[in-house]
Amino acid sequence: MAEALKSEAVTGASAGDDGAGTGSLPHAGALAELRGIRSGIVKQSIKTVISEKIAGLIASGILQVGDALPGERELAATLNVSREAVRGAIQILALQGVLEVSHGARTRVLRADVGPVTIGFAMARAVDAYDLDSVHSARVLIERQVVADAALAIADDTLGVLESLLQAQHDALDDPVRFLISDREFHTTIYRVSPNRLLADFSTDLYGYMMEYRRRVVARPGAIATSYADHVAIVAALRSHDPARAVDAFAAHTGRIYRTTQSILSDADSR
């Protein structure tokens, strides 16, 4: 489950010239280098990919210092990978001092400094610099296209992944941290169906807005069950391959996120 490759902007010489030009097509050598870079990324071991995914959860605020990670079995189900991959990823982060592994106890987040982490297109938490209304408006606009594309393009195997994530969420109705991990996987799985990789990455960044406040929201009584019900409706809409229905289901969910985040921010401002 490698993360989506980022788009590269390349400036090089035009075809057939000596490289002195600017703003034109790159040399074949530069293209070969880019292909090599992509190949290296694709060939990352699954445990490295999962370690980076867990680091991203910490960088975005879904996981915080002192949090206990779900058990290997639960985390593997949530991330749709094997327990061996999860175990290897945890070992990588433990060696880096990010996670603390104790015999007979759950693995915990030891420190939040995981270095520079790009979640989608921008660095983790970069979107937090913007106000809620701006982020919500951008999210509604971009997700409308991404979700409509996903409804038309989604394949049965991806729908199967979403169904597995729904099961993981149903099993986490009383565990906000585990639910949020699965929630992120649910959203990014849908975003990655879009053929427009840039919009998919923007959607991923916007999803991560003020995640520490989202943690407070899902801790409220009934909040997880409500989000789970929204997700069930979204999967049903995607399965119908009806773009309008999928956009409406996603908009209802995003609108609920906006209102609950707004209420949490208002509570914080009033203190």
C-alpha atoms as a PDB file:
ATOM      1  CA  MET A   1       0.000   0.000   0.000  1.00  0.00           C
ATOM      2  CA  ALA A   2       2.446   2.657  -1.108  1.00  0.00           C
ATOM      3  CA  GLU A   3       1.240   6.220  -0.787  1.00  0.00           C
ATOM      4  CA  ALA A   4       0.311   8.010  -4.038  1.00  0.00           C
ATOM      5  CA  LEU A   5       3.362   9.345  -5.865  1.00  0.00           C
ATOM      6  CA  LYS A   6       3.604  13.105  -5.925  1.00  0.00           C
ATOM      7  CA  SER A   7       3.570  15.014  -9.220  1.00  0.00           C
ATOM      8  CA  GLU A   8       6.959  16.361 -10.241  1.00  0.00           C
ATOM      9  CA  ALA A   9       7.419  19.661 -12.070  1.00  0.00           C
ATOM     10  CA  VAL A  10      10.434  19.287 -14.334  1.00  0.00           C
ATOM     11  CA  THR A  11      12.296  22.046 -16.160  1.00  0.00           C
ATOM     12  CA  GLY A  12      14.778  20.996 -18.812  1.00  0.00           C
ATOM     13  CA  ALA A  13      15.999  21.504 -22.334  1.00  0.00           C
ATOM     14  CA  SER A  14      13.758  21.179 -25.344  1.00  0.00           C
ATOM     15  CA  ALA A  15      13.976  18.045 -27.472  1.00  0.00           C
ATOM     16  CA  GLY A  16      17.000  18.101 -29.732  1.00  0.00           C
ATOM     17  CA  ASP A  17      18.792  21.131 -28.215  1.00  0.00           C
ATOM     18  CA  ASP A  18      21.986  21.237 -26.133  1.00  0.00           C
ATOM     19  CA  GLY A  19      20.260  21.871 -22.800  1.00  0.00           C
ATOM     20  CA  ALA A  20      20.675  25.640 -22.848  1.00  0.00           C
ATOM     21  CA  GLY A  21      16.956  26.339 -23.145  1.00  0.00           C
ATOM     22  CA  THR A  22      14.649  26.835 -20.157  1.00  0.00           C
ATOM     23  CA  GLY A  23      11.029  25.982 -19.518  1.00  0.00           C
ATOM     24  CA  SER A  24      11.017  23.239 -22.138  1.00  0.00           C
ATOM     25  CA  LEU A  25      10.923  19.463 -22.229  1.00  0.00           C
ATOM     26  CA  PRO A  26      13.493  17.533 -20.137  1.00  0.00           C
ATOM     27  CA  HIS A  27      16.255  15.416 -21.637  1.00  0.00           C
ATOM     28  CA  ALA A  28      15.706  11.673 -21.924  1.00  0.00           C
ATOM     29  CA  GLY A  29      18.312  11.292 -19.178  1.00  0.00           C
ATOM     30  CA  ALA A  30      16.227  13.384 -16.795  1.00  0.00           C
ATOM     31  CA  LEU A  31      13.155  11.343 -17.627  1.00  0.00           C
ATOM     32  CA  ALA A  32      15.082   8.150 -16.980  1.00  0.00           C
ATOM     33  CA  GLU A  33      16.188   9.540 -13.624  1.00  0.00           C
ATOM     34  CA  LEU A  34      12.588  10.326 -12.693  1.00  0.00           C
ATOM     35  CA  ARG A  35      11.538   6.800 -13.680  1.00  0.00           C
ATOM     36  CA  GLY A  36      14.292   5.479 -11.446  1.00  0.00           C
ATOM     37  CA  ILE A  37      13.076   7.591  -8.532  1.00  0.00           C
ATOM     38  CA  ARG A  38       9.519   6.334  -8.996  1.00  0.00           C
ATOM     39  CA  SER A  39      10.747   2.753  -9.205  1.00  0.00           C
ATOM     40  CA  GLY A  40      12.663   3.161  -5.957  1.00  0.00           C
ATOM     41  CA  ILE A  41       9.588   4.476  -4.189  1.00  0.00           C
ATOM     42  CA  VAL A  42       7.330   1.726  -5.488  1.00  0.00           C
ATOM     43  CA  LYS A  43       9.821  -0.934  -4.342  1.00  0.00           C
ATOM     44  CA  GLN A  44       9.803   0.238  -0.719  1.00  0.00           C
ATOM     45  CA  SER A  45       9.171  -2.630   1.641  1.00  0.00           C
ATOM     46  CA  ILE A  46       5.661  -2.789   3.048  1.00  0.00           C
ATOM     47  CA  LYS A  47       6.986  -2.357   6.591  1.00  0.00           C
ATOM     48  CA  THR A  48       8.678   0.898   5.534  1.00  0.00           C
ATOM     49  CA  VAL A  49       5.457   2.113   3.907  1.00  0.00           C
ATOM     50  CA  ILE A  50       3.485   1.314   7.063  1.00  0.00           C
ATOM     51  CA  SER A  51       6.097   2.949   9.300  1.00  0.00           C
ATOM     52  CA  GLU A  52       5.752   6.122   7.234  1.00  0.00           C
ATOM     53  CA  LYS A  53       1.982   5.858   7.476  1.00  0.00           C
ATOM     54  CA  ILE A  54       2.160   5.585  11.284  1.00  0.00           C
ATOM     55  CA  ALA A  55       4.611   8.512  11.354  1.00  0.00           C
ATOM     56  CA  GLY A  56       2.058  10.480   9.322  1.00  0.00           C
ATOM     57  CA  LEU A  57      -0.635   9.668  11.879  1.00  0.00           C
ATOM     58  CA  ILE A  58       1.615  11.120  14.577  1.00  0.00           C
ATOM     59  CA  ALA A  59       2.581  14.174  12.519  1.00  0.00           C
ATOM     60  CA  SER A  60      -1.062  14.957  11.744  1.00  0.00           C
ATOM     61  CA  GLY A  61      -2.128  14.688  15.385  1.00  0.00           C
ATOM     62  CA  ILE A  62      -4.282  11.572  15.074  1.00  0.00           C
ATOM     63  CA  LEU A  63      -1.776   9.838  17.343  1.00  0.00           C
ATOM     64  CA  GLN A  64      -0.265  11.890  20.173  1.00  0.00           C
ATOM     65  CA  VAL A  65       2.479  11.394  22.732  1.00  0.00           C
ATOM     66  CA  GLY A  66       1.357   8.857  25.305  1.00  0.00           C
ATOM     67  CA  ASP A  67      -1.260   7.264  23.061  1.00  0.00           C
ATOM     68  CA  ALA A  68      -1.340   3.497  22.975  1.00  0.00           C
ATOM     69  CA  LEU A  69      -1.447   2.051  19.481  1.00  0.00           C
ATOM     70  CA  PRO A  70      -4.128  -0.506  18.722  1.00  0.00           C
ATOM     71  CA  GLY A  71      -2.954  -4.097  19.029  1.00  0.00           C
ATOM     72  CA  GLU A  72      -1.142  -5.610  16.059  1.00  0.00           C
ATOM     73  CA  ARG A  73      -4.208  -7.508  14.917  1.00  0.00           C
ATOM     74  CA  GLU A  74      -6.480  -4.453  15.110  1.00  0.00           C
ATOM     75  CA  LEU A  75      -3.919  -2.138  13.481  1.00  0.00           C
ATOM     76  CA  ALA A  76      -3.316  -4.635  10.681  1.00  0.00           C
ATOM     77  CA  ALA A  77      -7.052  -4.853  10.021  1.00  0.00           C
ATOM     78  CA  THR A  78      -7.386  -1.066  10.102  1.00  0.00           C
ATOM     79  CA  LEU A  79      -4.502  -0.543   7.658  1.00  0.00           C
ATOM     80  CA  ASN A  80      -5.453  -3.576   5.554  1.00  0.00           C
ATOM     81  CA  VAL A  81      -2.017  -5.209   5.838  1.00  0.00           C
ATOM     82  CA  SER A  82      -0.506  -8.236   7.548  1.00  0.00           C
ATOM     83  CA  ARG A  83       0.452  -8.351  11.215  1.00  0.00           C
ATOM     84  CA  GLU A  84       4.041  -8.992  10.130  1.00  0.00           C
ATOM     85  CA  ALA A  85       4.063  -5.687   8.220  1.00  0.00           C
ATOM     86  CA  VAL A  86       2.717  -3.844  11.259  1.00  0.00           C
ATOM     87  CA  ARG A  87       5.264  -5.528  13.541  1.00  0.00           C
ATOM     88  CA  GLY A  88       8.126  -4.556  11.218  1.00  0.00           C
ATOM     89  CA  ALA A  89       6.883  -0.961  10.975  1.00  0.00           C
ATOM     90  CA  ILE A  90       6.679  -0.666  14.754  1.00  0.00           C
ATOM     91  CA  GLN A  91      10.232  -1.974  15.071  1.00  0.00           C
ATOM     92  CA  ILE A  92      11.471   0.683  12.645  1.00  0.00           C
ATOM     93  CA  LEU A  93       9.837   3.489  14.622  1.00  0.00           C
ATOM     94  CA  ALA A  94      10.962   2.012  17.940  1.00  0.00           C
ATOM     95  CA  LEU A  95      14.570   2.079  16.743  1.00  0.00           C
ATOM     96  CA  GLN A  96      14.057   5.750  15.840  1.00  0.00           C
ATOM     97  CA  GLY A  97      12.776   6.483  19.345  1.00  0.00           C
ATOM     98  CA  VAL A  98       9.306   7.410  18.092  1.00  0.00           C
ATOM     99  CA  LEU A  99       7.492   4.444  19.632  1.00  0.00           C
ATOM    100  CA  GLU A 100       8.046   2.654  22.926  1.00  0.00           C
ATOM    101  CA  VAL A 101       7.621  -1.109  22.851  1.00  0.00           C
ATOM    102  CA  SER A 102       7.235  -2.801  26.221  1.00  0.00           C
ATOM    103  CA  HIS A 103       6.787  -6.517  26.802  1.00  0.00           C
ATOM    104  CA  GLY A 104       3.286  -7.254  28.047  1.00  0.00           C
ATOM    105  CA  ALA A 105       2.040  -3.727  27.360  1.00  0.00           C
ATOM    106  CA  ARG A 106       0.689  -1.886  24.332  1.00  0.00           C
ATOM    107  CA  THR A 107       3.074   0.086  22.161  1.00  0.00           C
ATOM    108  CA  ARG A 108       2.921   3.812  22.895  1.00  0.00           C
ATOM    109  CA  VAL A 109       3.900   7.014  21.126  1.00  0.00           C
ATOM    110  CA  LEU A 110       7.072   8.250  22.786  1.00  0.00           C
ATOM    111  CA  ARG A 111       7.686  11.470  20.885  1.00  0.00           C
ATOM    112  CA  ALA A 112       5.906  13.569  18.290  1.00  0.00           C
ATOM    113  CA  ASP A 113       9.011  14.687  16.392  1.00  0.00           C
ATOM    114  CA  VAL A 114       9.002  12.378  13.387  1.00  0.00           C
ATOM    115  CA  GLY A 115      10.808  14.804  11.096  1.00  0.00           C
ATOM    116  CA  PRO A 116       9.342  16.484   8.002  1.00  0.00           C
ATOM    117  CA  VAL A 117       6.342  14.463   6.873  1.00  0.00           C
ATOM    118  CA  THR A 118       4.257  15.166   3.780  1.00  0.00           C
ATOM    119  CA  ILE A 119       0.738  13.836   4.222  1.00  0.00           C
ATOM    120  CA  GLY A 120      -0.715  14.637   0.816  1.00  0.00           C
ATOM    121  CA  PHE A 121       0.663  17.592  -1.107  1.00  0.00           C
ATOM    122  CA  ALA A 122       1.838  19.812   1.756  1.00  0.00           C
ATOM    123  CA  MET A 123       3.721  19.251   4.981  1.00  0.00           C
ATOM    124  CA  ALA A 124       1.744  17.836   7.882  1.00  0.00           C
ATOM    125  CA  ARG A 125      -0.433  20.449   9.637  1.00  0.00           C
ATOM    126  CA  ALA A 126       0.320  23.126   7.024  1.00  0.00           C
ATOM    127  CA  VAL A 127      -3.436  23.471   6.403  1.00  0.00           C
ATOM    128  CA  ASP A 128      -3.954  24.305  10.098  1.00  0.00           C
ATOM    129  CA  ALA A 129      -2.685  27.823   9.329  1.00  0.00           C
ATOM    130  CA  TYR A 130      -5.994  28.598   7.562  1.00  0.00           C
ATOM    131  CA  ASP A 131      -9.375  29.371   9.093  1.00  0.00           C
ATOM    132  CA  LEU A 132     -12.110  26.761   9.302  1.00  0.00           C
ATOM    133  CA  ASP A 133     -14.458  28.405   6.780  1.00  0.00           C
ATOM    134  CA  SER A 134     -11.726  28.634   4.144  1.00  0.00           C
ATOM    135  CA  VAL A 135     -10.725  25.016   4.607  1.00  0.00           C
ATOM    136  CA  HIS A 136     -14.324  23.802   4.567  1.00  0.00           C
ATOM    137  CA  SER A 137     -15.128  25.731   1.379  1.00  0.00           C
ATOM    138  CA  ALA A 138     -12.019  24.359  -0.331  1.00  0.00           C
ATOM    139  CA  ARG A 139     -12.790  20.849   0.845  1.00  0.00           C
ATOM    140  CA  VAL A 140     -16.356  20.928  -0.445  1.00  0.00           C
ATOM    141  CA  LEU A 141     -15.192  22.257  -3.811  1.00  0.00           C
ATOM    142  CA  ILE A 142     -12.365  19.764  -4.321  1.00  0.00           C
ATOM    143  CA  GLU A 143     -14.084  16.715  -2.858  1.00  0.00           C
ATOM    144  CA  ARG A 144     -17.073  17.246  -5.147  1.00  0.00           C
ATOM    145  CA  GLN A 145     -14.885  16.481  -8.162  1.00  0.00           C
ATOM    146  CA  VAL A 146     -12.787  13.792  -6.467  1.00  0.00           C
ATOM    147  CA  VAL A 147     -15.804  11.870  -5.157  1.00  0.00           C
ATOM    148  CA  ALA A 148     -17.713  12.154  -8.438  1.00  0.00           C
ATOM    149  CA  ASP A 149     -14.703  10.716 -10.254  1.00  0.00           C
ATOM    150  CA  ALA A 150     -14.394   7.974  -7.635  1.00  0.00           C
ATOM    151  CA  ALA A 151     -18.023   6.944  -8.060  1.00  0.00           C
ATOM    152  CA  LEU A 152     -17.445   6.353 -11.764  1.00  0.00           C
ATOM    153  CA  ALA A 153     -14.037   4.696 -11.475  1.00  0.00           C
ATOM    154  CA  ILE A 154     -14.178   2.664  -8.272  1.00  0.00           C
ATOM    155  CA  ALA A 155     -13.540  -1.062  -8.724  1.00  0.00           C
ATOM    156  CA  ASP A 156     -14.871  -4.019  -6.783  1.00  0.00           C
ATOM    157  CA  ASP A 157     -11.574  -4.652  -5.011  1.00  0.00           C
ATOM    158  CA  THR A 158     -11.519  -1.088  -3.666  1.00  0.00           C
ATOM    159  CA  LEU A 159     -15.122  -1.412  -2.563  1.00  0.00           C
ATOM    160  CA  GLY A 160     -13.993  -4.543  -0.745  1.00  0.00           C
ATOM    161  CA  VAL A 161     -11.299  -2.539   1.053  1.00  0.00           C
ATOM    162  CA  LEU A 162     -13.903   0.031   2.087  1.00  0.00           C
ATOM    163  CA  GLU A 163     -16.175  -2.721   3.400  1.00  0.00           C
ATOM    164  CA  SER A 164     -13.272  -4.073   5.464  1.00  0.00           C
ATOM    165  CA  LEU A 165     -12.651  -0.602   6.842  1.00  0.00           C
ATOM    166  CA  LEU A 166     -16.334  -0.311   7.772  1.00  0.00           C
ATOM    167  CA  GLN A 167     -15.993  -3.530   9.750  1.00  0.00           C
ATOM    168  CA  ALA A 168     -12.893  -2.168  11.498  1.00  0.00           C
ATOM    169  CA  GLN A 169     -14.804   1.015  12.349  1.00  0.00           C
ATOM    170  CA  HIS A 170     -17.766  -0.941  13.655  1.00  0.00           C
ATOM    171  CA  ASP A 171     -15.359  -2.766  15.972  1.00  0.00           C
ATOM    172  CA  ALA A 172     -13.948   0.588  17.164  1.00  0.00           C
ATOM    173  CA  LEU A 173     -17.161   2.367  18.150  1.00  0.00           C
ATOM    174  CA  ASP A 174     -15.784   2.841  21.668  1.00  0.00           C
ATOM    175  CA  ASP A 175     -12.174   3.593  20.659  1.00  0.00           C
ATOM    176  CA  PRO A 176     -11.731   7.133  19.228  1.00  0.00           C
ATOM    177  CA  VAL A 177      -8.046   6.740  18.316  1.00  0.00           C
ATOM    178  CA  ARG A 178      -8.528   3.457  16.499  1.00  0.00           C
ATOM    179  CA  PHE A 179     -11.587   4.863  14.744  1.00  0.00           C
ATOM    180  CA  LEU A 180      -9.677   7.924  13.526  1.00  0.00           C
ATOM    181  CA  ILE A 181      -6.892   5.740  12.119  1.00  0.00           C
ATOM    182  CA  SER A 182      -9.487   3.776  10.152  1.00  0.00           C
ATOM    183  CA  ASP A 183     -11.323   6.981   9.250  1.00  0.00           C
ATOM    184  CA  ARG A 184      -8.210   8.375   7.598  1.00  0.00           C
ATOM    185  CA  GLU A 185      -7.693   5.146   5.666  1.00  0.00           C
ATOM    186  CA  PHE A 186     -11.332   5.262   4.574  1.00  0.00           C
ATOM    187  CA  HIS A 187     -11.106   8.787   3.197  1.00  0.00           C
ATOM    188  CA  THR A 188      -7.715   8.441   1.531  1.00  0.00           C
ATOM    189  CA  THR A 189      -8.747   5.151  -0.089  1.00  0.00           C
ATOM    190  CA  ILE A 190     -11.613   7.007  -1.777  1.00  0.00           C
ATOM    191  CA  TYR A 191      -9.454   9.977  -2.736  1.00  0.00           C
ATOM    192  CA  ARG A 192      -6.866   7.729  -4.395  1.00  0.00           C
ATOM    193  CA  VAL A 193      -9.494   6.345  -6.777  1.00  0.00           C
ATOM    194  CA  SER A 194      -9.613   9.727  -8.507  1.00  0.00           C
ATOM    195  CA  PRO A 195      -7.505   9.856 -11.684  1.00  0.00           C
ATOM    196  CA  ASN A 196      -6.488  13.407 -10.717  1.00  0.00           C
ATOM    197  CA  ARG A 197      -3.610  12.757  -8.317  1.00  0.00           C
ATOM    198  CA  LEU A 198      -3.158  16.420  -7.447  1.00  0.00           C
ATOM    199  CA  LEU A 199      -6.778  16.828  -6.339  1.00  0.00           C
ATOM    200  CA  ALA A 200      -6.500  13.563  -4.415  1.00  0.00           C
ATOM    201  CA  ASP A 201      -3.466  14.906  -2.544  1.00  0.00           C
ATOM    202  CA  PHE A 202      -5.183  18.215  -1.828  1.00  0.00           C
ATOM    203  CA  SER A 203      -8.161  16.306  -0.439  1.00  0.00           C
ATOM    204  CA  THR A 204      -5.847  14.338   1.831  1.00  0.00           C
ATOM    205  CA  ASP A 205      -4.308  17.545   3.185  1.00  0.00           C
ATOM    206  CA  LEU A 206      -7.683  19.162   3.792  1.00  0.00           C
ATOM    207  CA  TYR A 207      -8.930  16.042   5.553  1.00  0.00           C
ATOM    208  CA  GLY A 208      -6.173  16.450   8.174  1.00  0.00           C
ATOM    209  CA  TYR A 209      -7.294  19.924   9.267  1.00  0.00           C
ATOM    210  CA  MET A 210      -7.213  20.497  13.047  1.00  0.00           C
ATOM    211  CA  MET A 211      -7.002  16.797  13.797  1.00  0.00           C
ATOM    212  CA  GLU A 212      -6.460  17.344  17.510  1.00  0.00           C
ATOM    213  CA  TYR A 213      -9.939  18.900  17.601  1.00  0.00           C
ATOM    214  CA  ARG A 214     -11.370  15.992  15.629  1.00  0.00           C
ATOM    215  CA  ARG A 215     -10.118  13.740  18.398  1.00  0.00           C
ATOM    216  CA  ARG A 216     -12.265  15.684  20.852  1.00  0.00           C
ATOM    217  CA  VAL A 217     -15.267  15.456  18.557  1.00  0.00           C
ATOM    218  CA  VAL A 218     -15.164  11.688  18.138  1.00  0.00           C
ATOM    219  CA  ALA A 219     -14.824  11.302  21.914  1.00  0.00           C
ATOM    220  CA  ARG A 220     -18.315  12.770  22.316  1.00  0.00           C
ATOM    221  CA  PRO A 221     -21.117  10.265  23.002  1.00  0.00           C
ATOM    222  CA  GLY A 222     -22.603   8.945  19.763  1.00  0.00           C
ATOM    223  CA  ALA A 223     -20.133  10.779  17.502  1.00  0.00           C
ATOM    224  CA  ILE A 224     -18.386   7.676  16.203  1.00  0.00           C
ATOM    225  CA  ALA A 225     -21.663   5.885  15.514  1.00  0.00           C
ATOM    226  CA  THR A 226     -22.857   8.889  13.519  1.00  0.00           C
ATOM    227  CA  SER A 227     -19.690   9.020  11.430  1.00  0.00           C
ATOM    228  CA  TYR A 228     -19.901   5.284  10.883  1.00  0.00           C
ATOM    229  CA  ALA A 229     -23.457   5.653   9.580  1.00  0.00           C
ATOM    230  CA  ASP A 230     -22.245   8.397   7.215  1.00  0.00           C
ATOM    231  CA  HIS A 231     -19.541   6.061   5.930  1.00  0.00           C
ATOM    232  CA  VAL A 232     -22.038   3.270   5.305  1.00  0.00           C
ATOM    233  CA  ALA A 233     -24.104   5.689   3.197  1.00  0.00           C
ATOM    234  CA  ILE A 234     -20.990   6.798   1.291  1.00  0.00           C
ATOM    235  CA  VAL A 235     -19.993   3.228   0.410  1.00  0.00           C
ATOM    236  CA  ALA A 236     -23.535   2.444  -0.734  1.00  0.00           C
ATOM    237  CA  ALA A 237     -23.474   5.516  -2.978  1.00  0.00           C
ATOM    238  CA  LEU A 238     -20.083   4.591  -4.437  1.00  0.00           C
ATOM    239  CA  ARG A 239     -21.256   1.035  -5.051  1.00  0.00           C
ATOM    240  CA  SER A 240     -24.148   2.432  -7.108  1.00  0.00           C
ATOM    241  CA  HIS A 241     -21.602   4.289  -9.320  1.00  0.00           C
ATOM    242  CA  ASP A 242     -23.896   7.330  -9.089  1.00  0.00           C
ATOM    243  CA  PRO A 243     -21.731  10.504  -8.906  1.00  0.00           C
ATOM    244  CA  ALA A 244     -24.561  12.760  -7.690  1.00  0.00           C
ATOM    245  CA  ARG A 245     -25.539  10.351  -4.929  1.00  0.00           C
ATOM    246  CA  ALA A 246     -21.919   9.936  -3.852  1.00  0.00           C
ATOM    247  CA  VAL A 247     -21.320  13.697  -3.790  1.00  0.00           C
ATOM    248  CA  ASP A 248     -24.462  14.219  -1.684  1.00  0.00           C
ATOM    249  CA  ALA A 249     -23.457  11.506   0.789  1.00  0.00           C
ATOM    250  CA  PHE A 250     -19.969  12.942   1.124  1.00  0.00           C
ATOM    251  CA  ALA A 251     -21.288  16.505   1.448  1.00  0.00           C
ATOM    252  CA  ALA A 252     -23.571  15.468   4.318  1.00  0.00           C
ATOM    253  CA  HIS A 253     -20.597  13.909   6.079  1.00  0.00           C
ATOM    254  CA  THR A 254     -18.272  16.855   5.439  1.00  0.00           C
ATOM    255  CA  GLY A 255     -20.963  19.285   6.597  1.00  0.00           C
ATOM    256  CA  ARG A 256     -21.274  17.385   9.861  1.00  0.00           C
ATOM    257  CA  ILE A 257     -17.493  17.531  10.335  1.00  0.00           C
ATOM    258  CA  TYR A 258     -17.579  21.277   9.721  1.00  0.00           C
ATOM    259  CA  ARG A 259     -20.314  21.896  12.285  1.00  0.00           C
ATOM    260  CA  THR A 260     -18.770  19.748  14.997  1.00  0.00           C
ATOM    261  CA  THR A 261     -15.307  21.234  14.464  1.00  0.00           C
ATOM    262  CA  GLN A 262     -16.848  24.703  14.603  1.00  0.00           C
ATOM    263  CA  SER A 263     -18.478  23.898  17.942  1.00  0.00           C
ATOM    264  CA  ILE A 264     -15.217  22.586  19.407  1.00  0.00           C
ATOM    265  CA  LEU A 265     -13.298  25.657  18.243  1.00  0.00           C
ATOM    266  CA  SER A 266     -15.997  27.929  19.713  1.00  0.00           C
ATOM    267  CA  ASP A 267     -15.744  26.118  23.033  1.00  0.00           C
ATOM    268  CA  ALA A 268     -11.971  26.548  22.994  1.00  0.00           C
ATOM    269  CA  ASP A 269     -12.255  30.281  22.221  1.00  0.00           C
ATOM    270  CA  SER A 270     -14.740  30.848  25.036  1.00  0.00           C
ATOM    271  CA  ARG A 271     -12.365  29.490  27.687  1.00  0.00           C
END
